[in-house]
Amino acid sequence: MIPIRDNIKSSRYPVVNTALIAACIAVFAYQIVQPAAIEAYAFRPAYIASLTTIQELGYVGAGGSLLLSMFMHGGLLHIGFNMLFLWVFGDNVEDRMGHLRYLVFYLICGVLATLAHSVIAVAGALIYGGDSLGIPLVGASGAIAGVLGAYFKLYRHASVRALIPLFFIFTMVDLPASLFIIIWFILQLLYGVSSLGQAGGGIAFWAHIGGFVAGILLVRLFAPQWRSPGKPRVVHMRLE
């Protein structure tokens, strides 16, 4: 399913969401010019598997790669789909949280998503073996999954217009946002479970799962509660 737009209009311009999209595009453009950037700056699960590795890299370097990795992408389709999801869902979440809270929320979800993937990768390496701990982890998917988790909690009565492929035909359908996100999460969970024990690169489904769960749990800390609209005031008038 490919989201096209939702039916919730933001009350203010999504400054941070737009800046995040611009930053991802700028970093990806740099990757095209300097292809070795992924190898040099990307975060690897091995960083949390060995304290010695972190000390060699430096705590500042490890933290920097943890943040920078969520702005890097592995290809045009990767960044294209990520930015589309962020554009559709991120503006409304920023609208509810406010600019600064949204930025902090986004970065925290991205970091927790990366750590979730890394923990699963380390556990998989210990149980199944393999050398997947050195594979770079890049992409904004984990942070965006956190945004989806927040959107699910805040706008579950919204609807999303989605492009759905049916064999070789694409059809446009309006779906409840909650249903769209639940289907998305179930797919990530199924793919994540099926990927356990597999070595090599690919999609970091456990980063998506970790980011989504982080978004669900953290949204209450970053989004002020809705105030129930008061009852309309009735003014009694007597005509003479």
Protein backbone atom coordinates (compact mmCIF):
# COMPACT_ATOMS: atom_id res chain seq x y z
CA MET A 1 0.00 0.00 0.00
CA ILE A 2 1.30 3.42 -0.97
CA PRO A 3 -0.14 6.39 0.94
CA ILE A 4 -0.98 9.41 -1.19
CA ARG A 5 -2.54 11.78 1.33
CA ASP A 6 -4.71 11.88 4.41
CA ASN A 7 -7.80 13.94 5.15
CA ILE A 8 -6.38 15.92 8.09
CA LYS A 9 -5.34 19.47 7.36
CA SER A 10 -2.55 20.93 9.49
CA SER A 11 -3.22 24.20 11.24
CA ARG A 12 0.37 25.40 10.73
CA TYR A 13 3.17 24.83 8.28
CA PRO A 14 5.24 21.71 9.16
CA VAL A 15 8.60 23.45 9.38
CA VAL A 16 10.47 20.59 11.06
CA ASN A 17 8.92 17.86 8.92
CA THR A 18 9.87 19.75 5.75
CA ALA A 19 13.39 20.34 7.10
CA LEU A 20 13.79 16.62 7.88
CA ILE A 21 12.78 15.71 4.33
CA ALA A 22 15.19 18.31 2.93
CA ALA A 23 18.00 17.01 5.16
CA CYS A 24 17.45 13.42 4.02
CA ILE A 25 17.50 14.51 0.37
CA ALA A 26 20.67 16.57 0.93
CA VAL A 27 22.46 13.68 2.64
CA PHE A 28 21.38 11.30 -0.12
CA ALA A 29 22.74 13.71 -2.73
CA TYR A 30 26.03 13.70 -0.84
CA GLN A 31 26.00 9.90 -0.87
CA ILE A 32 25.72 9.97 -4.66
CA VAL A 33 28.76 12.23 -4.88
CA GLN A 34 30.65 10.31 -2.18
CA PRO A 35 29.50 6.65 -2.32
CA ALA A 36 31.97 5.68 0.40
CA ALA A 37 29.98 7.78 2.88
CA ILE A 38 27.83 4.80 3.87
CA GLU A 39 30.87 2.75 4.79
CA ALA A 40 32.46 5.65 6.64
CA TYR A 41 29.56 7.03 8.66
CA ALA A 42 26.77 4.43 8.84
CA PHE A 43 25.88 2.76 12.12
CA ARG A 44 26.50 -0.97 12.52
CA PRO A 45 25.03 -3.39 15.08
CA ALA A 46 28.61 -4.40 15.91
CA TYR A 47 28.96 -1.06 17.69
CA ILE A 48 26.74 -2.25 20.53
CA ALA A 49 28.09 -5.79 20.49
CA SER A 50 31.59 -4.78 21.54
CA LEU A 51 32.61 -2.06 23.97
CA THR A 52 36.08 -2.18 22.43
CA THR A 53 34.63 -1.29 19.03
CA ILE A 54 32.83 1.72 20.49
CA GLN A 55 35.97 2.87 22.29
CA GLU A 56 37.97 2.62 19.07
CA LEU A 57 35.34 4.61 17.22
CA GLY A 58 34.83 7.03 20.09
CA TYR A 59 31.60 7.65 21.91
CA VAL A 60 31.06 10.87 19.96
CA GLY A 61 31.70 9.05 16.68
CA ALA A 62 29.34 6.22 17.60
CA GLY A 63 26.63 8.67 18.64
CA GLY A 64 27.15 10.69 15.48
CA SER A 65 26.78 7.64 13.26
CA LEU A 66 23.66 6.66 15.20
CA LEU A 67 22.03 9.99 14.29
CA LEU A 68 23.50 10.38 10.81
CA SER A 69 22.42 6.90 9.72
CA MET A 70 18.76 7.87 9.94
CA PHE A 71 19.34 10.54 7.26
CA MET A 72 21.14 8.18 4.87
CA HIS A 73 19.42 5.86 2.37
CA GLY A 74 20.32 2.92 0.19
CA GLY A 75 18.72 3.99 -3.08
CA LEU A 76 16.08 6.07 -4.84
CA LEU A 77 13.17 3.78 -3.98
CA HIS A 78 14.30 3.64 -0.36
CA ILE A 79 14.37 7.40 0.10
CA GLY A 80 11.34 7.92 -2.14
CA PHE A 81 9.00 5.73 -0.10
CA ASN A 82 10.38 6.98 3.21
CA MET A 83 9.90 10.63 2.31
CA LEU A 84 6.40 9.95 0.99
CA PHE A 85 5.36 8.34 4.29
CA LEU A 86 6.97 11.18 6.24
CA TRP A 87 5.23 13.80 4.10
CA VAL A 88 1.79 12.19 4.48
CA PHE A 89 1.89 11.47 8.22
CA GLY A 90 4.53 13.72 9.73
CA ASP A 91 2.90 17.11 9.27
CA ASN A 92 -0.11 16.23 11.43
CA VAL A 93 2.02 14.75 14.20
CA GLU A 94 4.16 17.89 14.21
CA ASP A 95 0.98 19.95 14.31
CA ARG A 96 -0.09 18.20 17.52
CA MET A 97 3.32 18.11 19.19
CA GLY A 98 4.75 21.44 18.17
CA HIS A 99 7.95 21.96 16.25
CA LEU A 100 10.62 21.32 18.90
CA ARG A 101 8.86 18.42 20.60
CA TYR A 102 8.29 16.78 17.23
CA LEU A 103 11.98 17.03 16.33
CA VAL A 104 13.06 15.48 19.64
CA PHE A 105 10.39 12.78 19.32
CA TYR A 106 11.49 11.94 15.77
CA LEU A 107 15.17 11.62 16.71
CA ILE A 108 14.47 9.54 19.82
CA CYS A 109 12.27 7.14 17.85
CA GLY A 110 14.99 6.84 15.20
CA VAL A 111 17.66 6.05 17.78
CA LEU A 112 15.47 3.50 19.59
CA ALA A 113 14.58 1.88 16.26
CA THR A 114 18.25 1.51 15.37
CA LEU A 115 19.03 0.05 18.79
CA ALA A 116 16.09 -2.37 18.52
CA HIS A 117 17.38 -3.65 15.18
CA SER A 118 20.91 -3.90 16.57
CA VAL A 119 19.83 -5.90 19.62
CA ILE A 120 17.92 -8.37 17.42
CA ALA A 121 20.93 -8.58 15.06
CA VAL A 122 23.32 -9.29 17.96
CA ALA A 123 20.96 -11.92 19.38
CA GLY A 124 20.63 -13.50 15.94
CA ALA A 125 24.40 -13.60 15.51
CA LEU A 126 24.81 -15.32 18.88
CA ILE A 127 22.10 -17.88 18.15
CA TYR A 128 22.47 -18.51 14.42
CA GLY A 129 26.00 -17.25 13.72
CA GLY A 130 26.92 -15.21 10.67
CA ASP A 131 28.66 -11.90 10.17
CA SER A 132 25.68 -9.57 9.76
CA LEU A 133 26.80 -7.31 12.61
CA GLY A 134 29.07 -5.37 10.27
CA ILE A 135 26.32 -4.51 7.75
CA PRO A 136 25.59 -0.75 7.73
CA LEU A 137 22.13 0.26 8.89
CA VAL A 138 20.80 3.32 7.07
CA GLY A 139 17.44 4.96 6.55
CA ALA A 140 14.78 7.09 8.18
CA SER A 141 12.33 4.16 8.32
CA GLY A 142 12.67 3.60 12.06
CA ALA A 143 12.02 7.24 12.92
CA ILE A 144 9.12 7.37 10.45
CA ALA A 145 7.70 4.22 12.03
CA GLY A 146 7.66 6.17 15.29
CA VAL A 147 5.70 8.91 13.51
CA LEU A 148 3.22 6.27 12.31
CA GLY A 149 2.83 5.06 15.89
CA ALA A 150 2.07 8.58 17.05
CA TYR A 151 -0.35 9.15 14.16
CA PHE A 152 -2.14 5.92 15.05
CA LYS A 153 -2.72 7.18 18.59
CA LEU A 154 -3.61 10.76 17.67
CA TYR A 155 -5.57 10.43 14.42
CA ARG A 156 -7.07 6.97 14.37
CA HIS A 157 -10.36 8.35 13.02
CA ALA A 158 -8.63 9.90 10.01
CA SER A 159 -8.65 8.33 6.55
CA VAL A 160 -5.82 7.75 4.12
CA ARG A 161 -6.03 7.64 0.35
CA ALA A 162 -3.77 4.79 -0.72
CA LEU A 163 -2.62 3.31 -3.99
CA ILE A 164 -3.05 -0.46 -3.81
CA PRO A 165 -1.59 -2.83 -6.43
CA LEU A 166 -3.93 -5.65 -7.43
CA PHE A 167 -1.89 -7.93 -9.64
CA PHE A 168 -0.95 -5.58 -12.52
CA ILE A 169 -3.65 -3.00 -11.80
CA PHE A 170 -3.29 -0.12 -9.36
CA THR A 171 -6.41 1.15 -7.66
CA MET A 172 -6.98 4.16 -5.38
CA VAL A 173 -8.81 3.42 -2.14
CA ASP A 174 -9.74 5.50 0.91
CA LEU A 175 -8.94 3.53 4.05
CA PRO A 176 -9.29 4.33 7.76
CA ALA A 177 -5.86 5.48 8.93
CA SER A 178 -5.96 2.98 11.80
CA LEU A 179 -6.56 0.09 9.39
CA PHE A 180 -3.80 1.25 7.04
CA ILE A 181 -1.28 1.48 9.88
CA ILE A 182 -2.34 -1.82 11.48
CA ILE A 183 -1.91 -3.64 8.15
CA TRP A 184 1.48 -1.97 7.71
CA PHE A 185 2.60 -3.03 11.19
CA ILE A 186 1.39 -6.63 10.79
CA LEU A 187 3.38 -6.90 7.57
CA GLN A 188 6.51 -5.59 9.31
CA LEU A 189 6.02 -8.09 12.11
CA LEU A 190 5.54 -11.02 9.74
CA TYR A 191 8.56 -10.05 7.65
CA GLY A 192 10.58 -9.42 10.78
CA VAL A 193 9.85 -12.84 12.23
CA SER A 194 10.60 -14.53 8.90
CA SER A 195 13.94 -12.71 8.67
CA LEU A 196 15.23 -14.09 11.98
CA GLY A 197 18.35 -16.14 11.45
CA GLN A 198 18.95 -14.83 7.93
CA ALA A 199 22.34 -13.30 7.24
CA GLY A 200 23.03 -10.50 4.81
CA GLY A 201 21.52 -7.11 4.07
CA GLY A 202 17.97 -6.17 3.23
CA ILE A 203 15.17 -4.31 4.96
CA ALA A 204 15.58 -3.73 8.69
CA PHE A 205 12.07 -4.78 9.70
CA TRP A 206 12.94 -4.85 13.40
CA ALA A 207 13.91 -1.18 13.19
CA HIS A 208 10.40 -0.50 11.85
CA ILE A 209 8.86 -2.53 14.67
CA GLY A 210 11.02 -0.91 17.33
CA GLY A 211 10.33 2.59 16.02
CA PHE A 212 6.58 2.00 15.87
CA VAL A 213 6.45 0.67 19.44
CA ALA A 214 8.56 3.62 20.60
CA GLY A 215 6.15 6.03 18.92
CA ILE A 216 3.15 4.36 20.57
CA LEU A 217 4.76 4.55 24.01
CA LEU A 218 6.25 8.05 23.76
CA VAL A 219 3.42 9.96 22.11
CA ARG A 220 1.78 10.82 25.43
CA LEU A 221 4.95 12.55 26.58
CA PHE A 222 5.22 14.74 23.49
CA ALA A 223 1.65 15.46 22.38
CA PRO A 224 -0.62 17.57 24.55
CA GLN A 225 -4.00 16.04 25.18
CA TRP A 226 -6.99 17.17 23.18
CA ARG A 227 -9.26 19.48 25.05
CA SER A 228 -12.85 18.40 24.74
CA PRO A 229 -14.83 21.07 22.99
CA GLY A 230 -17.20 22.78 25.35
CA LYS A 231 -20.91 22.71 24.84
CA PRO A 232 -22.24 25.55 22.73
CA ARG A 233 -23.38 28.42 24.87
CA VAL A 234 -27.09 28.99 24.59
CA VAL A 235 -28.18 32.60 24.73
CA HIS A 236 -31.82 33.11 25.62
CA MET A 237 -33.35 36.15 24.00
CA ARG A 238 -36.78 37.67 24.36
CA LEU A 239 -38.12 39.60 21.45
CA GLU A 240 -40.35 42.52 22.12
